[in-house]
Amino acid sequence: MINRITLENGVRIICEKIPHVRSVSVGIWVGAGSRNEKKEINGISHFIEHMLFKGTKKRSAKEIAESIDSIGGQINAFTGKECTCYYTKTLDTHIDIAIDVLADMFFNSVFSAKDIDIERKVVLEEISMYEDSPEDLVHDYLSETVWENDAIGMPILGTYESLHNIERDTIVKYISEHYLPENTVIAVAGNFDDNVLIDIVKKNFGSWYSDRKPVKQFEKAEFKVNNKIKQKDIEQVHICLGFEGIEHGNDDLYSLLALNNVFGGGMSSRLFQKIREERGLVYSIYSYPSSYCNAGLFTIYAGMNPEHKDTFFKLVMEEIEILIKHGISEEELAKSKEQLKGSYILGLESTSSRMNSLGKSELMLGKVYTPEEVLKKIDAVNNEKVREIIEKVFQMNKMSIAVVGNINQNIDLSKYI
């Protein structure tokens, strides 16, 4: 059963008790990601995520790690375009230690100038590592391409230039603007005593108040038809094609997910079978939807030898045109829905993935669907809805492209259609 409690200061607690397990996952979710940033300090949300592990007024960085290591637990964090999450997974008997450590990091981090300089070097190395991974890089380039001049298109890690603008004052100011009680969700999944949990959370978060209010919801991000080519002297060329997708919270997303399974979502999909298995033109090919507040993206990715790119484009366009003309069969849809339900239910067997689902839904949508409600939404997908999604997403005149590889000429997609 899922419980939702709001403290007097606005902090939301969303928790699901799973009595048959011995673990508990706790996450502190904050509505602050790269989409909240200005270009000059792009990457600050991710930088703060790193800094919270560098030491507090009562624990060094080593002691933070040891506090969780010594009880056989895990502690980590991640930053996205619209949120940051700090989380632990421990035995149910250690939930008090987990929340105490997370709260200490959250409220008492020191942000010393020395640590900031050290961590800046670490993140710069992370960016360099990313630059050396063209398969990862091309997806970021696609976001920059379709959402040019909008914060949603900026990289989560930031840039070499923007990271040098981040100092202690910048960090403290950003936290004061975004790390607010009403902008924070504490998500818990696993085995716990309800009363004990609420007491621990109130003790650590109940006296936190701020005069500030969270900024209003994001404006709709305008999808732009564009192309970006990054010339890199590498063996393969990495290509992302992008269409405007479905925003977070829209039930049409279930239809798009069902369609994606058939089109390019796995090894049995049309793109994989036609282009990799039958023709051997690529090593990797897949498609996936991304959803955000008032914005969505549908991406087709492939990596190949540059000499195969013309054939690749021709075959992908053919598959899209077949999809537009004929849709998918009832049999394909039925299999895809079972696949969606199976992967969703299997994912629920992990307390950490359940915590992720609870926290993200509560933070982004202000509501959480039960597993029964999600399965019902998947079951409601029919071929009529899939056809509507095909028509909505696969607009051949609204297609963008990002490329990383050893090519130096612009790509005109219209000649392949």
Protein backbone atom coordinates (compact mmCIF):
# COMPACT_ATOMS: atom_id res chain seq x y z
CA MET A 1 0.00 0.00 0.00
CA ILE A 2 1.26 3.49 -0.92
CA ASN A 3 1.06 6.22 1.75
CA ARG A 4 1.50 9.95 1.12
CA ILE A 5 2.15 12.39 3.95
CA THR A 6 2.92 16.11 3.68
CA LEU A 7 4.77 17.72 6.57
CA GLU A 8 3.76 21.21 7.76
CA ASN A 9 6.71 22.73 5.89
CA GLY A 10 5.64 21.18 2.56
CA VAL A 11 8.08 18.24 2.38
CA ARG A 12 6.25 15.25 0.89
CA ILE A 13 6.82 11.68 2.07
CA ILE A 14 5.72 8.94 -0.30
CA CYS A 15 6.24 5.42 0.96
CA GLU A 16 5.31 1.86 0.04
CA LYS A 17 5.60 -0.90 2.59
CA ILE A 18 6.76 -4.27 1.26
CA PRO A 19 6.74 -6.53 4.34
CA HIS A 20 8.18 -9.66 2.67
CA VAL A 21 11.60 -8.07 1.95
CA ARG A 22 14.45 -7.23 4.34
CA SER A 23 15.77 -4.17 2.49
CA VAL A 24 14.61 -0.56 2.42
CA SER A 25 15.44 2.07 -0.20
CA VAL A 26 15.29 5.76 0.70
CA GLY A 27 15.58 8.61 -1.79
CA ILE A 28 15.60 12.37 -1.33
CA TRP A 29 14.27 13.87 -4.57
CA VAL A 30 14.70 17.55 -5.40
CA GLY A 31 13.11 19.34 -8.35
CA ALA A 32 16.43 20.74 -9.56
CA GLY A 33 18.17 19.55 -12.72
CA SER A 34 19.97 20.94 -15.74
CA ARG A 35 16.69 22.39 -17.04
CA ASN A 36 16.64 24.79 -14.06
CA GLU A 37 20.06 26.20 -14.89
CA LYS A 38 21.32 29.28 -16.70
CA LYS A 39 23.83 28.69 -19.50
CA GLU A 40 26.66 30.38 -17.54
CA ILE A 41 26.36 27.84 -14.69
CA ASN A 42 25.23 24.83 -16.74
CA GLY A 43 26.15 21.68 -14.82
CA ILE A 44 25.67 23.14 -11.33
CA SER A 45 22.89 20.67 -10.37
CA HIS A 46 25.18 17.74 -11.15
CA PHE A 47 28.14 19.51 -9.47
CA ILE A 48 26.11 19.96 -6.24
CA GLU A 49 25.21 16.27 -6.38
CA HIS A 50 28.96 15.51 -6.29
CA MET A 51 29.67 18.08 -3.56
CA LEU A 52 27.15 16.62 -1.11
CA PHE A 53 29.44 13.58 -0.80
CA LYS A 54 32.55 15.69 -0.02
CA GLY A 55 31.95 16.18 3.69
CA THR A 56 29.66 17.78 6.26
CA LYS A 57 30.17 19.61 9.55
CA LYS A 58 30.29 16.27 11.39
CA ARG A 59 31.38 13.72 8.73
CA SER A 60 34.30 13.68 6.28
CA ALA A 61 33.80 12.29 2.78
CA LYS A 62 35.36 9.04 3.97
CA GLU A 63 33.04 8.88 7.00
CA ILE A 64 29.96 9.38 4.80
CA ALA A 65 31.02 6.38 2.71
CA GLU A 66 31.97 4.32 5.79
CA SER A 67 28.65 5.03 7.54
CA ILE A 68 26.81 3.10 4.82
CA ASP A 69 29.59 0.65 3.84
CA SER A 70 29.90 -0.54 7.46
CA ILE A 71 26.24 -1.66 7.49
CA GLY A 72 26.49 -3.39 4.10
CA GLY A 73 24.40 -0.73 2.36
CA GLN A 74 24.69 1.37 -0.79
CA ILE A 75 24.66 5.15 -1.15
CA ASN A 76 24.65 7.08 -4.41
CA ALA A 77 22.98 9.88 -6.35
CA PHE A 78 22.05 10.94 -9.88
CA THR A 79 21.08 14.12 -11.69
CA GLY A 80 18.64 14.42 -14.56
CA LYS A 81 17.26 17.26 -16.64
CA GLU A 82 14.50 18.01 -14.13
CA CYS A 83 15.52 16.46 -10.80
CA THR A 84 18.31 15.24 -8.53
CA CYS A 85 18.07 12.19 -6.27
CA TYR A 86 20.24 11.12 -3.31
CA TYR A 87 19.51 7.56 -2.23
CA THR A 88 20.48 4.62 -0.05
CA LYS A 89 19.61 0.94 0.04
CA THR A 90 20.17 -0.82 3.37
CA LEU A 91 18.79 -3.54 5.60
CA ASP A 92 15.46 -2.53 7.14
CA THR A 93 17.10 -2.42 10.60
CA HIS A 94 19.35 0.47 9.48
CA ILE A 95 16.78 2.92 8.07
CA ASP A 96 17.60 5.39 10.87
CA ILE A 97 21.30 5.47 9.87
CA ALA A 98 20.41 5.84 6.17
CA ILE A 99 18.13 8.84 6.74
CA ASP A 100 20.53 10.44 9.24
CA VAL A 101 23.42 10.27 6.72
CA LEU A 102 21.30 11.58 3.83
CA ALA A 103 19.92 14.44 5.96
CA ASP A 104 23.43 15.33 7.18
CA MET A 105 24.66 15.56 3.56
CA PHE A 106 21.55 17.48 2.54
CA PHE A 107 21.69 20.16 5.25
CA ASN A 108 25.25 20.28 6.56
CA SER A 109 27.58 19.97 3.55
CA VAL A 110 30.59 22.26 3.94
CA PHE A 111 31.37 23.16 0.27
CA SER A 112 34.99 24.09 1.03
CA ALA A 113 36.90 25.95 -1.69
CA LYS A 114 39.51 23.19 -1.73
CA ASP A 115 36.91 20.46 -2.28
CA ILE A 116 35.17 22.52 -4.98
CA ASP A 117 38.45 22.82 -6.92
CA ILE A 118 39.16 19.09 -6.56
CA GLU A 119 35.66 18.09 -7.63
CA ARG A 120 35.76 20.48 -10.59
CA LYS A 121 38.72 18.47 -11.90
CA VAL A 122 36.76 15.24 -11.36
CA VAL A 123 33.73 16.52 -13.33
CA LEU A 124 35.97 17.90 -16.09
CA GLU A 125 37.44 14.40 -16.38
CA GLU A 126 33.88 13.03 -16.50
CA ILE A 127 33.10 15.39 -19.40
CA SER A 128 36.31 14.32 -21.18
CA MET A 129 35.36 10.67 -20.70
CA TYR A 130 31.95 11.45 -22.19
CA GLU A 131 33.61 13.21 -25.14
CA ASP A 132 35.56 9.99 -25.76
CA SER A 133 32.31 7.98 -25.92
CA PRO A 134 30.67 9.01 -29.20
CA GLU A 135 27.69 6.70 -28.69
CA ASP A 136 26.78 8.63 -25.53
CA LEU A 137 27.75 12.01 -26.93
CA VAL A 138 25.48 11.87 -29.96
CA HIS A 139 22.35 11.61 -27.76
CA ASP A 140 23.33 14.83 -25.96
CA TYR A 141 23.93 16.49 -29.32
CA LEU A 142 20.43 15.50 -30.43
CA SER A 143 18.93 17.18 -27.33
CA GLU A 144 20.97 20.33 -28.06
CA THR A 145 19.83 20.20 -31.68
CA VAL A 146 16.08 19.81 -31.17
CA TRP A 147 15.91 22.15 -28.15
CA GLU A 148 18.42 24.76 -29.27
CA ASN A 149 18.56 27.82 -26.96
CA ASP A 150 16.32 26.12 -24.38
CA ALA A 151 17.70 24.90 -21.02
CA ILE A 152 16.26 21.41 -21.62
CA GLY A 153 18.79 20.97 -24.43
CA MET A 154 21.82 21.71 -22.25
CA PRO A 155 24.06 18.82 -21.11
CA ILE A 156 23.54 17.59 -17.54
CA LEU A 157 27.32 17.54 -16.89
CA GLY A 158 27.76 21.13 -18.06
CA THR A 159 30.63 22.33 -20.26
CA TYR A 160 34.34 23.04 -19.76
CA GLU A 161 33.51 26.77 -19.77
CA SER A 162 30.48 26.75 -17.46
CA LEU A 163 32.15 24.61 -14.77
CA HIS A 164 34.78 27.31 -14.24
CA ASN A 165 31.99 29.73 -13.26
CA ILE A 166 30.85 27.55 -10.36
CA GLU A 167 32.17 28.68 -6.98
CA ARG A 168 30.94 28.37 -3.39
CA ASP A 169 28.70 31.48 -3.61
CA THR A 170 27.10 30.16 -6.81
CA ILE A 171 26.40 26.80 -5.16
CA VAL A 172 24.91 28.30 -1.98
CA LYS A 173 22.69 30.65 -4.03
CA TYR A 174 21.46 27.84 -6.32
CA ILE A 175 20.64 25.61 -3.34
CA SER A 176 18.74 28.43 -1.61
CA GLU A 177 16.64 28.89 -4.78
CA HIS A 178 15.88 25.24 -5.57
CA TYR A 179 16.47 23.04 -2.52
CA LEU A 180 13.16 23.99 -0.89
CA PRO A 181 10.74 22.00 1.31
CA GLU A 182 7.90 22.21 -1.23
CA ASN A 183 10.32 21.11 -3.97
CA THR A 184 11.44 17.99 -2.09
CA VAL A 185 10.04 14.46 -1.93
CA ILE A 186 11.28 11.70 0.37
CA ALA A 187 10.50 8.34 -1.25
CA VAL A 188 10.77 5.09 0.70
CA ALA A 189 10.12 1.53 -0.46
CA GLY A 190 10.72 -1.72 1.43
CA ASN A 191 10.22 -3.05 4.93
CA PHE A 192 9.77 -0.41 7.64
CA ASP A 193 7.62 0.53 10.60
CA ASP A 194 5.31 3.40 9.56
CA ASN A 195 5.47 5.26 12.86
CA VAL A 196 9.24 4.90 13.18
CA LEU A 197 9.73 6.14 9.60
CA ILE A 198 7.55 9.24 10.08
CA ASP A 199 9.28 10.06 13.39
CA ILE A 200 12.76 9.79 11.82
CA VAL A 201 11.77 11.95 8.81
CA LYS A 202 10.10 14.58 11.02
CA LYS A 203 13.16 14.68 13.28
CA ASN A 204 15.49 15.27 10.32
CA PHE A 205 13.32 17.36 7.97
CA GLY A 206 10.43 18.76 10.05
CA SER A 207 12.13 21.96 11.19
CA TRP A 208 13.31 22.94 7.69
CA TYR A 209 11.61 26.14 6.51
CA SER A 210 12.20 28.62 3.71
CA ASP A 211 10.56 31.90 2.70
CA ARG A 212 11.10 31.06 -0.96
CA LYS A 213 8.60 29.22 -3.15
CA PRO A 214 9.56 26.81 -5.97
CA VAL A 215 9.64 28.36 -9.44
CA LYS A 216 6.65 27.75 -11.69
CA GLN A 217 6.36 24.81 -14.03
CA PHE A 218 8.55 24.72 -17.15
CA GLU A 219 7.27 26.35 -20.31
CA LYS A 220 6.65 24.13 -23.33
CA ALA A 221 9.96 23.39 -25.07
CA GLU A 222 9.75 24.16 -28.78
CA PHE A 223 10.97 21.29 -30.97
CA LYS A 224 13.26 22.55 -33.74
CA VAL A 225 14.06 20.87 -37.04
CA ASN A 226 17.82 21.07 -37.13
CA ASN A 227 21.03 19.11 -37.65
CA LYS A 228 24.35 18.97 -35.85
CA ILE A 229 27.48 17.19 -37.07
CA LYS A 230 30.52 16.74 -34.83
CA GLN A 231 33.48 15.65 -36.90
CA LYS A 232 35.59 13.12 -35.02
CA ASP A 233 38.35 10.92 -36.40
CA ILE A 234 36.88 7.56 -35.39
CA GLU A 235 36.09 4.32 -37.23
CA GLN A 236 32.30 4.40 -36.83
CA VAL A 237 29.74 7.12 -37.44
CA HIS A 238 27.10 7.51 -34.71
CA ILE A 239 23.71 8.85 -35.77
CA CYS A 240 20.60 9.94 -33.88
CA LEU A 241 17.36 10.83 -35.63
CA GLY A 242 14.84 12.72 -33.52
CA PHE A 243 11.09 13.28 -33.70
CA GLU A 244 8.94 15.26 -31.30
CA GLY A 245 7.69 12.83 -28.64
CA ILE A 246 5.16 12.78 -25.80
CA GLU A 247 5.43 14.78 -22.57
CA HIS A 248 5.62 13.23 -19.10
CA GLY A 249 2.24 12.39 -17.58
CA ASN A 250 0.40 12.00 -20.90
CA ASP A 251 -1.30 8.59 -21.23
CA ASP A 252 -0.32 8.59 -24.93
CA LEU A 253 3.13 7.63 -23.66
CA TYR A 254 1.88 4.06 -23.08
CA SER A 255 0.86 3.81 -26.74
CA LEU A 256 4.27 5.15 -27.79
CA LEU A 257 6.06 2.64 -25.55
CA ALA A 258 4.02 -0.22 -27.06
CA LEU A 259 4.79 1.04 -30.56
CA ASN A 260 8.49 1.46 -29.75
CA ASN A 261 8.83 -2.20 -28.72
CA VAL A 262 7.68 -3.23 -32.20
CA PHE A 263 9.59 -0.57 -34.12
CA GLY A 264 13.05 -0.41 -32.52
CA GLY A 265 12.92 -1.17 -28.81
CA GLY A 266 14.68 -4.53 -28.74
CA MET A 267 16.37 -7.38 -30.60
CA SER A 268 13.08 -8.64 -32.06
CA SER A 269 12.10 -5.15 -33.32
CA ARG A 270 11.72 -4.25 -36.98
CA LEU A 271 14.77 -1.96 -37.11
CA PHE A 272 17.08 -4.48 -35.44
CA GLN A 273 15.92 -7.40 -37.57
CA LYS A 274 15.92 -5.55 -40.90
CA ILE A 275 19.09 -3.46 -40.59
CA ARG A 276 21.34 -5.47 -38.29
CA GLU A 277 20.25 -9.10 -38.65
CA GLU A 278 19.22 -9.22 -42.33
CA ARG A 279 21.69 -6.69 -43.74
CA GLY A 280 24.52 -6.55 -41.18
CA LEU A 281 24.91 -2.81 -41.73
CA VAL A 282 25.19 -1.77 -38.08
CA TYR A 283 26.46 -3.19 -34.83
CA SER A 284 23.95 -1.33 -32.69
CA ILE A 285 20.51 0.10 -33.52
CA TYR A 286 17.59 0.97 -31.29
CA SER A 287 14.88 3.53 -30.64
CA TYR A 288 13.40 4.95 -27.43
CA PRO A 289 11.09 7.71 -26.17
CA SER A 290 12.16 10.32 -23.58
CA SER A 291 9.53 12.31 -21.70
CA TYR A 292 9.80 15.52 -19.70
CA CYS A 293 7.48 18.24 -18.41
CA ASN A 294 5.87 19.81 -21.50
CA ALA A 295 8.40 18.14 -23.80
CA GLY A 296 9.14 14.78 -25.37
CA LEU A 297 11.57 13.21 -27.82
CA PHE A 298 11.57 10.01 -29.86
CA THR A 299 15.09 8.91 -30.81
CA ILE A 300 16.45 6.40 -33.34
CA TYR A 301 20.14 5.60 -32.80
CA ALA A 302 22.61 3.56 -34.87
CA GLY A 303 26.39 3.17 -35.10
CA MET A 304 27.98 2.01 -38.36
CA ASN A 305 30.83 2.23 -40.84
CA PRO A 306 30.48 5.62 -42.66
CA GLU A 307 30.16 3.87 -46.04
CA HIS A 308 26.87 2.29 -44.91
CA LYS A 309 25.14 5.51 -43.88
CA ASP A 310 23.26 6.10 -47.17
CA THR A 311 21.83 2.58 -47.13
CA PHE A 312 21.02 2.97 -43.44
CA PHE A 313 19.05 6.19 -43.99
CA LYS A 314 17.19 4.66 -46.94
CA LEU A 315 16.18 1.56 -44.95
CA VAL A 316 15.12 3.55 -41.86
CA MET A 317 12.96 5.85 -43.97
CA GLU A 318 11.40 2.81 -45.64
CA GLU A 319 10.56 1.32 -42.22
CA ILE A 320 9.04 4.61 -41.06
CA GLU A 321 6.97 4.85 -44.25
CA ILE A 322 5.74 1.24 -43.78
CA LEU A 323 4.80 2.14 -40.22
CA ILE A 324 2.90 5.26 -41.35
CA LYS A 325 1.10 3.37 -44.11
CA HIS A 326 0.29 0.06 -42.40
CA GLY A 327 0.77 0.59 -38.65
CA ILE A 328 1.41 -2.53 -36.58
CA SER A 329 -0.58 -5.77 -36.46
CA GLU A 330 -2.87 -6.84 -33.62
CA GLU A 331 -0.48 -9.72 -32.92
CA GLU A 332 2.52 -7.37 -32.67
CA LEU A 333 0.58 -5.06 -30.35
CA ALA A 334 -0.55 -7.92 -28.09
CA LYS A 335 3.05 -9.18 -27.75
CA SER A 336 4.33 -5.68 -27.09
CA LYS A 337 1.80 -5.05 -24.32
CA GLU A 338 2.75 -8.31 -22.61
CA GLN A 339 6.38 -7.30 -22.87
CA LEU A 340 5.64 -3.91 -21.29
CA LYS A 341 3.65 -5.48 -18.46
CA GLY A 342 6.31 -8.13 -17.84
CA SER A 343 9.21 -5.69 -17.64
CA TYR A 344 7.17 -3.32 -15.44
CA ILE A 345 6.16 -6.04 -12.95
CA LEU A 346 9.68 -7.54 -12.83
CA GLY A 347 11.04 -4.06 -12.12
CA LEU A 348 8.74 -3.77 -9.11
CA GLU A 349 10.55 -6.65 -7.41
CA SER A 350 13.44 -4.31 -6.56
CA THR A 351 12.91 -1.86 -3.68
CA SER A 352 15.26 0.65 -5.35
CA SER A 353 13.29 0.70 -8.62
CA ARG A 354 10.05 1.03 -6.67
CA MET A 355 11.51 3.95 -4.74
CA ASN A 356 12.59 5.54 -8.04
CA SER A 357 9.11 5.17 -9.49
CA LEU A 358 7.46 6.64 -6.36
CA GLY A 359 9.84 9.59 -6.06
CA LYS A 360 9.85 10.62 -9.70
CA SER A 361 6.06 10.35 -10.09
CA GLU A 362 5.35 12.34 -6.93
CA LEU A 363 7.91 15.03 -7.75
CA MET A 364 7.03 15.41 -11.44
CA LEU A 365 3.29 14.71 -11.48
CA GLY A 366 2.17 15.19 -7.89
CA LYS A 367 0.58 11.74 -7.97
CA VAL A 368 1.58 8.09 -8.00
CA TYR A 369 -0.17 5.33 -9.94
CA THR A 370 -0.56 1.92 -8.33
CA PRO A 371 0.73 -1.12 -10.28
CA GLU A 372 -2.91 -2.02 -11.02
CA GLU A 373 -3.52 1.43 -12.53
CA VAL A 374 -0.37 1.20 -14.68
CA LEU A 375 -1.34 -2.27 -15.97
CA LYS A 376 -4.81 -0.93 -16.76
CA LYS A 377 -3.29 1.91 -18.80
CA ILE A 378 -1.14 -0.57 -20.75
CA ASP A 379 -4.19 -2.79 -21.37
CA ALA A 380 -6.11 0.26 -22.66
CA VAL A 381 -3.65 0.70 -25.55
CA ASN A 382 -5.30 -0.36 -28.81
CA ASN A 383 -4.42 -0.14 -32.49
CA GLU A 384 -6.50 3.00 -32.96
CA LYS A 385 -4.43 4.80 -30.30
CA VAL A 386 -1.21 3.46 -31.83
CA ARG A 387 -2.20 4.82 -35.24
CA GLU A 388 -2.86 8.23 -33.69
CA ILE A 389 0.61 8.17 -32.11
CA ILE A 390 2.26 7.17 -35.41
CA GLU A 391 0.55 10.12 -37.08
CA LYS A 392 1.51 12.47 -34.24
CA VAL A 393 5.18 11.47 -33.81
CA PHE A 394 6.42 10.35 -37.25
CA GLN A 395 6.10 13.61 -39.14
CA MET A 396 8.72 13.43 -41.85
CA ASN A 397 8.95 17.23 -42.10
CA LYS A 398 9.70 17.44 -38.35
CA MET A 399 12.81 15.32 -38.08
CA SER A 400 16.18 16.36 -36.67
CA ILE A 401 19.58 14.69 -36.83
CA ALA A 402 22.78 14.59 -34.79
CA VAL A 403 25.95 12.87 -36.01
CA VAL A 404 29.34 12.15 -34.46
CA GLY A 405 31.98 10.66 -36.73
CA ASN A 406 34.40 11.06 -39.59
CA ILE A 407 32.12 12.82 -42.07
CA ASN A 408 32.32 16.42 -43.16
CA GLN A 409 29.25 17.04 -45.31
CA ASN A 410 25.75 18.04 -44.29
CA ILE A 411 23.10 15.33 -44.49
CA ASP A 412 19.96 16.08 -46.46
CA LEU A 413 17.33 13.68 -45.11
CA SER A 414 14.77 14.63 -47.75
CA LYS A 415 16.65 12.69 -50.46
CA TYR A 416 16.10 9.41 -48.55
CA ILE A 417 12.35 9.89 -48.11
